[in-house]
Amino acid sequence: VQLVESGGGLVQPGGSLRLSCAASGFTFSRYAMIWYRQAPGEEREFVAVIGSFTTRYAEFVKGRFTISRDNAKNTVYLQMNMLKSEDTAVYYCKVSIEGREYWGQGTQITVSS
C-alpha cells in the first residue's frame, strides 16, 4: 500500500488549494479515504472522510473544504477554499485496510500573508 500526497504550498489567507492523494497497492474503490492534518505542536486531527457515497467533515472545515475521489485514477482530493492561518499544517491521507492503518508522507500547507 502506498499513499502519496501532493498539492501543498504557501497560500494567502482567503486563498485556495487542492490536495491530491494518489493510492496504489490495494483496491481503491473499496475503501474509505480520510484526510487528517497536524499543526506544529498539535495532535493529528481528522479533517474529512469519503466512502463510496458519503462524506463527513470536521466542523472547522465545513463549507470551506470538499473531499472527493476519482476511483478511475485511484486518487482522493481535498479542495480547500477560504483558507485561514489556522489551517496551516501538514495534511495526510489515510486508509484502513483489515485493521491496519496506512498513511502518506504528508504535504505542508502554509497559510500566510
Protein backbone atom coordinates (compact mmCIF):
# COMPACT_ATOMS: atom_id res chain seq x y z
CA VAL A 1 0.00 0.00 0.00
CA GLN A 2 1.30 3.41 -0.91
CA LEU A 3 -0.25 6.84 -0.46
CA VAL A 4 1.39 9.93 -1.92
CA GLU A 5 0.07 13.39 -1.16
CA SER A 6 0.76 16.42 -3.31
CA GLY A 7 -0.50 19.93 -3.90
CA GLY A 8 0.72 21.65 -0.77
CA GLY A 9 2.37 25.02 -0.62
CA LEU A 10 2.16 28.59 0.56
CA VAL A 11 -1.12 30.44 0.10
CA GLN A 12 -2.51 33.74 1.33
CA PRO A 13 -5.48 33.87 3.70
CA GLY A 14 -8.68 33.53 1.74
CA GLY A 15 -6.96 31.56 -0.99
CA SER A 16 -7.50 28.04 -2.26
CA LEU A 17 -5.52 24.87 -2.78
CA ARG A 18 -6.35 21.38 -3.95
CA LEU A 19 -4.56 18.45 -2.41
CA SER A 20 -4.28 15.07 -4.07
CA CYS A 21 -3.52 11.67 -2.60
CA ALA A 22 -2.55 9.03 -5.13
CA ALA A 23 -3.09 5.49 -3.88
CA SER A 24 -1.70 2.18 -5.00
CA GLY A 25 -1.36 -1.39 -3.79
CA PHE A 26 -4.99 -2.01 -2.90
CA THR A 27 -8.45 -1.90 -4.46
CA PHE A 28 -9.01 1.80 -4.01
CA SER A 29 -12.74 1.89 -4.68
CA ARG A 30 -13.50 -0.48 -1.80
CA TYR A 31 -12.18 1.70 1.00
CA ALA A 32 -12.99 4.94 2.69
CA MET A 33 -10.25 7.53 2.39
CA ILE A 34 -9.54 10.04 5.11
CA TRP A 35 -7.70 13.33 5.34
CA TYR A 36 -6.04 14.38 8.59
CA ARG A 37 -3.84 17.31 9.48
CA GLN A 38 -1.25 18.11 12.11
CA ALA A 39 -0.25 21.62 13.06
CA PRO A 40 3.07 22.32 14.81
CA GLY A 41 2.88 21.26 18.43
CA GLU A 42 -0.59 19.83 18.00
CA GLU A 43 -2.02 16.36 17.72
CA ARG A 44 -3.08 15.00 14.37
CA GLU A 45 -6.78 15.70 13.77
CA PHE A 46 -9.48 14.45 11.47
CA VAL A 47 -10.42 16.69 8.54
CA ALA A 48 -12.70 14.74 6.19
CA VAL A 49 -13.62 11.24 5.06
CA ILE A 50 -15.16 9.88 1.90
CA GLY A 51 -16.72 6.47 1.41
CA SER A 52 -18.41 5.08 -1.65
CA PHE A 53 -21.26 7.57 -1.49
CA THR A 54 -20.91 9.55 1.70
CA THR A 55 -18.71 12.26 3.09
CA ARG A 56 -18.18 13.70 6.53
CA TYR A 57 -16.25 16.76 7.67
CA ALA A 58 -14.77 18.21 10.80
CA GLU A 59 -16.77 21.20 11.97
CA PHE A 60 -13.90 23.60 11.42
CA VAL A 61 -13.79 22.90 7.65
CA LYS A 62 -17.49 22.59 6.83
CA GLY A 63 -18.45 24.88 4.00
CA ARG A 64 -14.82 25.53 3.07
CA PHE A 65 -13.29 22.14 2.20
CA THR A 66 -14.62 19.48 -0.15
CA ILE A 67 -13.40 15.91 -0.30
CA SER A 68 -13.84 13.91 -3.49
CA ARG A 69 -12.45 10.83 -5.15
CA ASP A 70 -11.75 9.52 -8.62
CA ASN A 71 -11.77 5.74 -8.50
CA ALA A 72 -10.51 5.52 -12.08
CA LYS A 73 -7.39 7.41 -11.03
CA ASN A 74 -7.09 5.88 -7.54
CA THR A 75 -6.93 9.40 -6.17
CA VAL A 76 -8.65 11.29 -3.39
CA TYR A 77 -8.76 15.08 -3.36
CA LEU A 78 -9.24 17.81 -0.82
CA GLN A 79 -10.35 21.12 -2.26
CA MET A 80 -9.64 23.82 0.30
CA ASN A 81 -11.21 27.24 -0.07
CA MET A 82 -11.30 30.32 2.15
CA LEU A 83 -8.11 29.21 3.83
CA LYS A 84 -7.22 30.63 7.22
CA SER A 85 -3.93 30.90 9.04
CA GLU A 86 -5.14 28.21 11.44
CA ASP A 87 -5.33 25.78 8.52
CA THR A 88 -1.53 25.76 8.43
CA ALA A 89 -0.49 22.16 8.97
CA VAL A 90 0.86 19.05 7.36
CA TYR A 91 -2.01 17.24 5.64
CA TYR A 92 -2.06 13.46 5.46
CA CYS A 93 -4.27 10.91 3.79
CA LYS A 94 -5.02 7.59 5.40
CA VAL A 95 -6.68 4.30 4.60
CA SER A 96 -7.56 1.48 6.97
CA ILE A 97 -7.41 -1.99 5.49
CA GLU A 98 -8.25 -5.07 7.58
CA GLY A 99 -7.48 -3.27 10.80
CA ARG A 100 -4.19 -1.78 9.68
CA GLU A 101 -3.67 1.90 9.01
CA TYR A 102 -1.63 3.26 6.13
CA TRP A 103 -0.51 6.87 5.95
CA GLY A 104 1.06 9.03 3.32
CA GLN A 105 4.12 11.15 3.99
CA GLY A 106 2.09 14.35 4.21
CA THR A 107 2.12 17.65 2.38
CA GLN A 108 2.70 21.02 4.03
CA ILE A 109 0.12 23.79 3.78
CA THR A 110 1.14 27.22 4.98
CA VAL A 111 -1.46 29.97 5.04
CA SER A 112 0.24 33.31 5.49
CA SER A 113 0.32 36.78 4.03
